[in-house]
Structure formats: C-alpha cells, structure tokens
C-alpha cells in the first residue's frame, strides 16, 4: 500500500499544472476587472497582469454578454472615464518637481516636467471629449442671423390654386 501511495504521489507530482492565463469566464475575475476599470485603469493595463485573461478574451465576454458582463463592463468604463476626469485636476494641481534648485541656490522651472504634465492633461481631455462628448466635449451652438445681426427673414411663398389644363378659364 505504501508503494501504491508513493506512485500516486509521483503521478500527481508529474501531472501537468495549468499554466498561462485563464480563458474561461469567471465571475470573480470579471468583478475584479470591472473594479479596476472603474478606478480608471485601461483594459490593456489590467490584462497585462498574469492573473487576468488576455484582452481579447475579456472583449469576447463583453460581446457574448457572459452572465450580463456587457452592462457591468459598460458601467465600469463610464465610471473609469469620470475617474480619469478627476485625475486631470490632480495632475494639473500637482506642482511636485515643477521647480528645482540651481547650483547657485536660485529656483528654476523644470520645463520638461511642466510640459509632460500638460501633455498628460491634454491627452486625457481629448480622450474624454471623444468617449463622452455630451459630458466632456465642447458645447457647440450655431446661431443664424440676417443682415447686420437682424432676425433671419424667411421669404413668403404664395401658391396659386391649382387649375387643370382642360378646365376653361372663368375670366
């Protein structure tokens, strides 16, 4: 019996251990993905972690609407966009490393840091304006006026009564 137990243990030790990314739908993984999306992380960044399935797998879950995942995903993405909007304020308000001390003790502006912060804010603003234009896009209105700002005049069209060719003219 001891020999047999030893052989079973050896067989178990030699049994292939599942490796690689998960590929089947898992409600717990889906929940974790949605939580990270809601925090503003991209699906690409989330799926770069080994414990999560490939990006294409998650997008397949959305398309197939596995266990209602499509609606959860959409809501998480929307919340993530709002998180990104808040992040733009944090980036703009963060003055860390904007200045530095020169060798003579005077303070100077670190233009590279300032420009990088501006780029980060601008990229997020552009992305938000495309993904949620009604909320974060520029409001565009169009006003039509007549000559010198006067109200627009619409021409009046007078329509004569219809008279068939075969009918004699009463005049």
C-alpha atoms as a PDB file:
ATOM      1  CA  UNK A   1       0.000   0.000   0.000  1.00  0.00           C
ATOM      2  CA  UNK A   2       2.873   2.326   0.798  1.00  0.00           C
ATOM      3  CA  UNK A   3       4.287   1.592  -2.655  1.00  0.00           C
ATOM      4  CA  UNK A   4       0.966   2.447  -4.253  1.00  0.00           C
ATOM      5  CA  UNK A   5       0.647   5.711  -2.287  1.00  0.00           C
ATOM      6  CA  UNK A   6       4.148   6.629  -3.394  1.00  0.00           C
ATOM      7  CA  UNK A   7       3.238   6.006  -7.052  1.00  0.00           C
ATOM      8  CA  UNK A   8       0.070   8.125  -6.713  1.00  0.00           C
ATOM      9  CA  UNK A   9       2.106  10.949  -5.206  1.00  0.00           C
ATOM     10  CA  UNK A  10       4.617  10.664  -8.058  1.00  0.00           C
ATOM     11  CA  UNK A  11       1.817  10.733 -10.646  1.00  0.00           C
ATOM     12  CA  UNK A  12       0.271  13.788  -9.031  1.00  0.00           C
ATOM     13  CA  UNK A  13       3.656  15.486  -8.961  1.00  0.00           C
ATOM     14  CA  UNK A  14       4.103  14.743 -12.657  1.00  0.00           C
ATOM     15  CA  UNK A  15       0.563  15.821 -13.599  1.00  0.00           C
ATOM     16  CA  UNK A  16       0.647  18.979 -15.668  1.00  0.00           C
ATOM     17  CA  UNK A  17      -0.053  22.106 -13.680  1.00  0.00           C
ATOM     18  CA  UNK A  18      -2.338  24.509 -15.537  1.00  0.00           C
ATOM     19  CA  UNK A  19      -0.234  27.378 -16.785  1.00  0.00           C
ATOM     20  CA  UNK A  20      -0.929  30.556 -18.635  1.00  0.00           C
ATOM     21  CA  UNK A  21      -3.796  32.938 -18.446  1.00  0.00           C
ATOM     22  CA  UNK A  22      -7.340  31.977 -17.570  1.00  0.00           C
ATOM     23  CA  UNK A  23      -9.570  31.837 -20.627  1.00  0.00           C
ATOM     24  CA  UNK A  24     -12.963  30.768 -19.335  1.00  0.00           C
ATOM     25  CA  UNK A  25     -15.417  33.245 -17.889  1.00  0.00           C
ATOM     26  CA  UNK A  26     -15.117  33.631 -14.142  1.00  0.00           C
ATOM     27  CA  UNK A  27     -17.480  35.951 -12.241  1.00  0.00           C
ATOM     28  CA  UNK A  28     -14.795  36.797  -9.684  1.00  0.00           C
ATOM     29  CA  UNK A  29     -12.277  37.797 -12.367  1.00  0.00           C
ATOM     30  CA  UNK A  30     -14.965  39.772 -14.183  1.00  0.00           C
ATOM     31  CA  UNK A  31     -15.764  41.644 -10.955  1.00  0.00           C
ATOM     32  CA  UNK A  32     -12.074  42.406 -10.346  1.00  0.00           C
ATOM     33  CA  UNK A  33     -11.674  43.654 -13.922  1.00  0.00           C
ATOM     34  CA  UNK A  34     -14.689  45.944 -13.537  1.00  0.00           C
ATOM     35  CA  UNK A  35     -13.360  47.327 -10.239  1.00  0.00           C
ATOM     36  CA  UNK A  36     -10.054  48.222 -11.873  1.00  0.00           C
ATOM     37  CA  UNK A  37     -11.800  49.712 -14.912  1.00  0.00           C
ATOM     38  CA  UNK A  38     -13.929  51.858 -12.603  1.00  0.00           C
ATOM     39  CA  UNK A  39     -10.734  53.167 -10.995  1.00  0.00           C
ATOM     40  CA  UNK A  40      -9.656  54.414 -14.414  1.00  0.00           C
ATOM     41  CA  UNK A  41      -7.224  51.690 -15.452  1.00  0.00           C
ATOM     42  CA  UNK A  42      -7.265  50.618 -19.074  1.00  0.00           C
ATOM     43  CA  UNK A  43      -8.250  47.111 -20.074  1.00  0.00           C
ATOM     44  CA  UNK A  44      -4.860  46.778 -21.758  1.00  0.00           C
ATOM     45  CA  UNK A  45      -3.044  47.530 -18.478  1.00  0.00           C
ATOM     46  CA  UNK A  46      -5.310  45.219 -16.463  1.00  0.00           C
ATOM     47  CA  UNK A  47      -4.867  42.314 -18.859  1.00  0.00           C
ATOM     48  CA  UNK A  48      -1.090  42.758 -18.849  1.00  0.00           C
ATOM     49  CA  UNK A  49      -1.157  41.190 -15.374  1.00  0.00           C
ATOM     50  CA  UNK A  50      -0.687  37.428 -15.486  1.00  0.00           C
ATOM     51  CA  UNK A  51      -3.691  36.648 -13.265  1.00  0.00           C
ATOM     52  CA  UNK A  52      -6.114  38.167 -15.764  1.00  0.00           C
ATOM     53  CA  UNK A  53      -7.140  36.719 -19.122  1.00  0.00           C
ATOM     54  CA  UNK A  54      -5.971  38.187 -22.404  1.00  0.00           C
ATOM     55  CA  UNK A  55      -7.598  41.423 -23.544  1.00  0.00           C
ATOM     56  CA  UNK A  56      -9.262  39.635 -26.466  1.00  0.00           C
ATOM     57  CA  UNK A  57     -10.832  37.141 -24.062  1.00  0.00           C
ATOM     58  CA  UNK A  58     -12.364  39.898 -21.935  1.00  0.00           C
ATOM     59  CA  UNK A  59     -13.652  41.691 -25.024  1.00  0.00           C
ATOM     60  CA  UNK A  60     -15.209  38.380 -26.085  1.00  0.00           C
ATOM     61  CA  UNK A  61     -17.016  38.230 -22.741  1.00  0.00           C
ATOM     62  CA  UNK A  62     -18.417  41.696 -23.486  1.00  0.00           C
ATOM     63  CA  UNK A  63     -19.554  40.769 -26.999  1.00  0.00           C
ATOM     64  CA  UNK A  64     -21.083  37.479 -25.824  1.00  0.00           C
ATOM     65  CA  UNK A  65     -22.597  39.245 -22.775  1.00  0.00           C
ATOM     66  CA  UNK A  66     -21.490  36.443 -20.467  1.00  0.00           C
ATOM     67  CA  UNK A  67     -23.730  36.486 -17.378  1.00  0.00           C
ATOM     68  CA  UNK A  68     -24.627  40.149 -18.011  1.00  0.00           C
ATOM     69  CA  UNK A  69     -20.973  41.189 -18.220  1.00  0.00           C
ATOM     70  CA  UNK A  70     -21.603  43.631 -21.059  1.00  0.00           C
ATOM     71  CA  UNK A  71     -23.643  46.013 -18.877  1.00  0.00           C
ATOM     72  CA  UNK A  72     -21.200  45.683 -15.965  1.00  0.00           C
ATOM     73  CA  UNK A  73     -18.299  46.437 -18.295  1.00  0.00           C
ATOM     74  CA  UNK A  74     -20.019  49.473 -19.825  1.00  0.00           C
ATOM     75  CA  UNK A  75     -20.843  50.907 -16.399  1.00  0.00           C
ATOM     76  CA  UNK A  76     -17.293  50.297 -15.153  1.00  0.00           C
ATOM     77  CA  UNK A  77     -15.842  52.005 -18.238  1.00  0.00           C
ATOM     78  CA  UNK A  78     -18.104  55.019 -17.694  1.00  0.00           C
ATOM     79  CA  UNK A  79     -17.050  55.261 -14.051  1.00  0.00           C
ATOM     80  CA  UNK A  80     -13.430  54.956 -15.154  1.00  0.00           C
ATOM     81  CA  UNK A  81     -13.854  57.907 -17.502  1.00  0.00           C
ATOM     82  CA  UNK A  82     -15.168  60.017 -14.620  1.00  0.00           C
ATOM     83  CA  UNK A  83     -12.142  58.894 -12.578  1.00  0.00           C
ATOM     84  CA  UNK A  84      -9.921  59.997 -15.434  1.00  0.00           C
ATOM     85  CA  UNK A  85     -11.597  63.415 -15.442  1.00  0.00           C
ATOM     86  CA  UNK A  86     -10.856  63.802 -11.740  1.00  0.00           C
ATOM     87  CA  UNK A  87      -7.295  62.701 -12.376  1.00  0.00           C
ATOM     88  CA  UNK A  88      -6.772  65.606 -14.792  1.00  0.00           C
ATOM     89  CA  UNK A  89      -7.389  68.029 -11.921  1.00  0.00           C
ATOM     90  CA  UNK A  90      -4.931  66.142  -9.714  1.00  0.00           C
ATOM     91  CA  UNK A  91      -2.274  66.254 -12.434  1.00  0.00           C
ATOM     92  CA  UNK A  92      -2.840  69.965 -13.043  1.00  0.00           C
ATOM     93  CA  UNK A  93      -2.713  70.766  -9.299  1.00  0.00           C
ATOM     94  CA  UNK A  94       0.396  68.681  -8.624  1.00  0.00           C
ATOM     95  CA  UNK A  95       3.378  71.012  -8.555  1.00  0.00           C
ATOM     96  CA  UNK A  96       5.831  68.354  -7.436  1.00  0.00           C
ATOM     97  CA  UNK A  97       9.116  68.704  -9.324  1.00  0.00           C
ATOM     98  CA  UNK A  98       7.846  71.731 -11.283  1.00  0.00           C
ATOM     99  CA  UNK A  99      10.795  73.685  -9.899  1.00  0.00           C
ATOM    100  CA  UNK A 100      14.289  72.787  -8.802  1.00  0.00           C
ATOM    101  CA  UNK A 101      17.214  74.447  -7.031  1.00  0.00           C
ATOM    102  CA  UNK A 102      20.066  75.506  -9.219  1.00  0.00           C
ATOM    103  CA  UNK A 103      23.672  75.228  -8.059  1.00  0.00           C
ATOM    104  CA  UNK A 104      23.686  78.901  -7.076  1.00  0.00           C
ATOM    105  CA  UNK A 105      20.655  78.303  -4.813  1.00  0.00           C
ATOM    106  CA  UNK A 106      18.114  80.037  -7.022  1.00  0.00           C
ATOM    107  CA  UNK A 107      14.922  78.311  -8.075  1.00  0.00           C
ATOM    108  CA  UNK A 108      14.192  77.476 -11.715  1.00  0.00           C
ATOM    109  CA  UNK A 109      11.238  75.985 -13.554  1.00  0.00           C
ATOM    110  CA  UNK A 110      11.657  72.419 -14.745  1.00  0.00           C
ATOM    111  CA  UNK A 111      10.077  72.873 -18.185  1.00  0.00           C
ATOM    112  CA  UNK A 112      10.199  69.168 -19.028  1.00  0.00           C
ATOM    113  CA  UNK A 113       8.053  68.262 -16.018  1.00  0.00           C
ATOM    114  CA  UNK A 114       5.594  71.080 -16.693  1.00  0.00           C
ATOM    115  CA  UNK A 115       5.263  70.139 -20.382  1.00  0.00           C
ATOM    116  CA  UNK A 116       4.808  66.460 -19.526  1.00  0.00           C
ATOM    117  CA  UNK A 117       2.018  67.339 -17.077  1.00  0.00           C
ATOM    118  CA  UNK A 118       0.362  69.497 -19.728  1.00  0.00           C
ATOM    119  CA  UNK A 119       0.579  66.638 -22.223  1.00  0.00           C
ATOM    120  CA  UNK A 120      -0.961  64.201 -19.714  1.00  0.00           C
ATOM    121  CA  UNK A 121      -3.858  66.578 -19.033  1.00  0.00           C
ATOM    122  CA  UNK A 122      -4.411  67.372 -22.720  1.00  0.00           C
ATOM    123  CA  UNK A 123      -4.372  63.692 -23.714  1.00  0.00           C
ATOM    124  CA  UNK A 124      -6.987  62.891 -21.083  1.00  0.00           C
ATOM    125  CA  UNK A 125      -9.147  65.864 -22.040  1.00  0.00           C
ATOM    126  CA  UNK A 126      -9.060  64.826 -25.706  1.00  0.00           C
ATOM    127  CA  UNK A 127      -9.869  61.207 -24.870  1.00  0.00           C
ATOM    128  CA  UNK A 128     -12.742  62.186 -22.586  1.00  0.00           C
ATOM    129  CA  UNK A 129     -14.181  64.544 -25.221  1.00  0.00           C
ATOM    130  CA  UNK A 130     -14.276  61.668 -27.715  1.00  0.00           C
ATOM    131  CA  UNK A 131     -15.534  58.964 -25.363  1.00  0.00           C
ATOM    132  CA  UNK A 132     -18.176  61.084 -23.583  1.00  0.00           C
ATOM    133  CA  UNK A 133     -18.791  64.128 -25.808  1.00  0.00           C
ATOM    134  CA  UNK A 134     -22.074  65.098 -24.143  1.00  0.00           C
ATOM    135  CA  UNK A 135     -20.363  65.364 -20.769  1.00  0.00           C
ATOM    136  CA  UNK A 136     -16.765  66.351 -21.585  1.00  0.00           C
ATOM    137  CA  UNK A 137     -16.935  67.650 -25.154  1.00  0.00           C
ATOM    138  CA  UNK A 138     -17.055  71.263 -26.199  1.00  0.00           C
ATOM    139  CA  UNK A 139     -20.561  72.598 -26.480  1.00  0.00           C
ATOM    140  CA  UNK A 140     -21.110  73.841 -29.998  1.00  0.00           C
ATOM    141  CA  UNK A 141     -24.031  76.114 -30.797  1.00  0.00           C
ATOM    142  CA  UNK A 142     -24.955  77.730 -34.047  1.00  0.00           C
ATOM    143  CA  UNK A 143     -26.984  80.890 -34.373  1.00  0.00           C
ATOM    144  CA  UNK A 144     -28.268  82.193 -37.650  1.00  0.00           C
ATOM    145  CA  UNK A 145     -28.991  85.880 -38.130  1.00  0.00           C
ATOM    146  CA  UNK A 146     -29.879  88.096 -41.007  1.00  0.00           C
ATOM    147  CA  UNK A 147     -28.015  91.117 -42.344  1.00  0.00           C
ATOM    148  CA  UNK A 148     -26.234  93.141 -39.619  1.00  0.00           C
ATOM    149  CA  UNK A 149     -27.488  90.820 -36.868  1.00  0.00           C
ATOM    150  CA  UNK A 150     -31.166  91.356 -37.673  1.00  0.00           C
ATOM    151  CA  UNK A 151     -33.556  88.417 -37.333  1.00  0.00           C
ATOM    152  CA  UNK A 152     -33.417  85.990 -40.187  1.00  0.00           C
ATOM    153  CA  UNK A 153     -36.162  86.752 -42.708  1.00  0.00           C
ATOM    154  CA  UNK A 154     -37.806  83.821 -44.382  1.00  0.00           C
ATOM    155  CA  UNK A 155     -39.303  84.544 -47.811  1.00  0.00           C
ATOM    156  CA  UNK A 156     -43.028  84.041 -48.102  1.00  0.00           C
ATOM    157  CA  UNK A 157     -44.075  81.761 -50.904  1.00  0.00           C
ATOM    158  CA  UNK A 158     -47.505  82.383 -52.384  1.00  0.00           C
ATOM    159  CA  UNK A 159     -49.047  79.366 -54.023  1.00  0.00           C
ATOM    160  CA  UNK A 160     -51.743  79.920 -56.630  1.00  0.00           C
ATOM    161  CA  UNK A 161     -54.692  77.496 -56.679  1.00  0.00           C
ATOM    162  CA  UNK A 162     -54.219  74.547 -58.969  1.00  0.00           C
ATOM    163  CA  UNK A 163     -56.078  74.693 -62.261  1.00  0.00           C
ATOM    164  CA  UNK A 164     -56.181  71.781 -64.631  1.00  0.00           C
ATOM    165  CA  UNK A 165     -55.356  72.457 -68.322  1.00  0.00           C
ATOM    166  CA  UNK A 166     -58.631  71.017 -69.515  1.00  0.00           C
ATOM    167  CA  UNK A 167     -60.740  73.376 -67.416  1.00  0.00           C
ATOM    168  CA  UNK A 168     -61.786  76.628 -69.107  1.00  0.00           C
ATOM    169  CA  UNK A 169     -60.599  79.832 -67.517  1.00  0.00           C
ATOM    170  CA  UNK A 170     -63.500  81.522 -65.721  1.00  0.00           C
ATOM    171  CA  UNK A 171     -62.280  85.050 -66.528  1.00  0.00           C
END
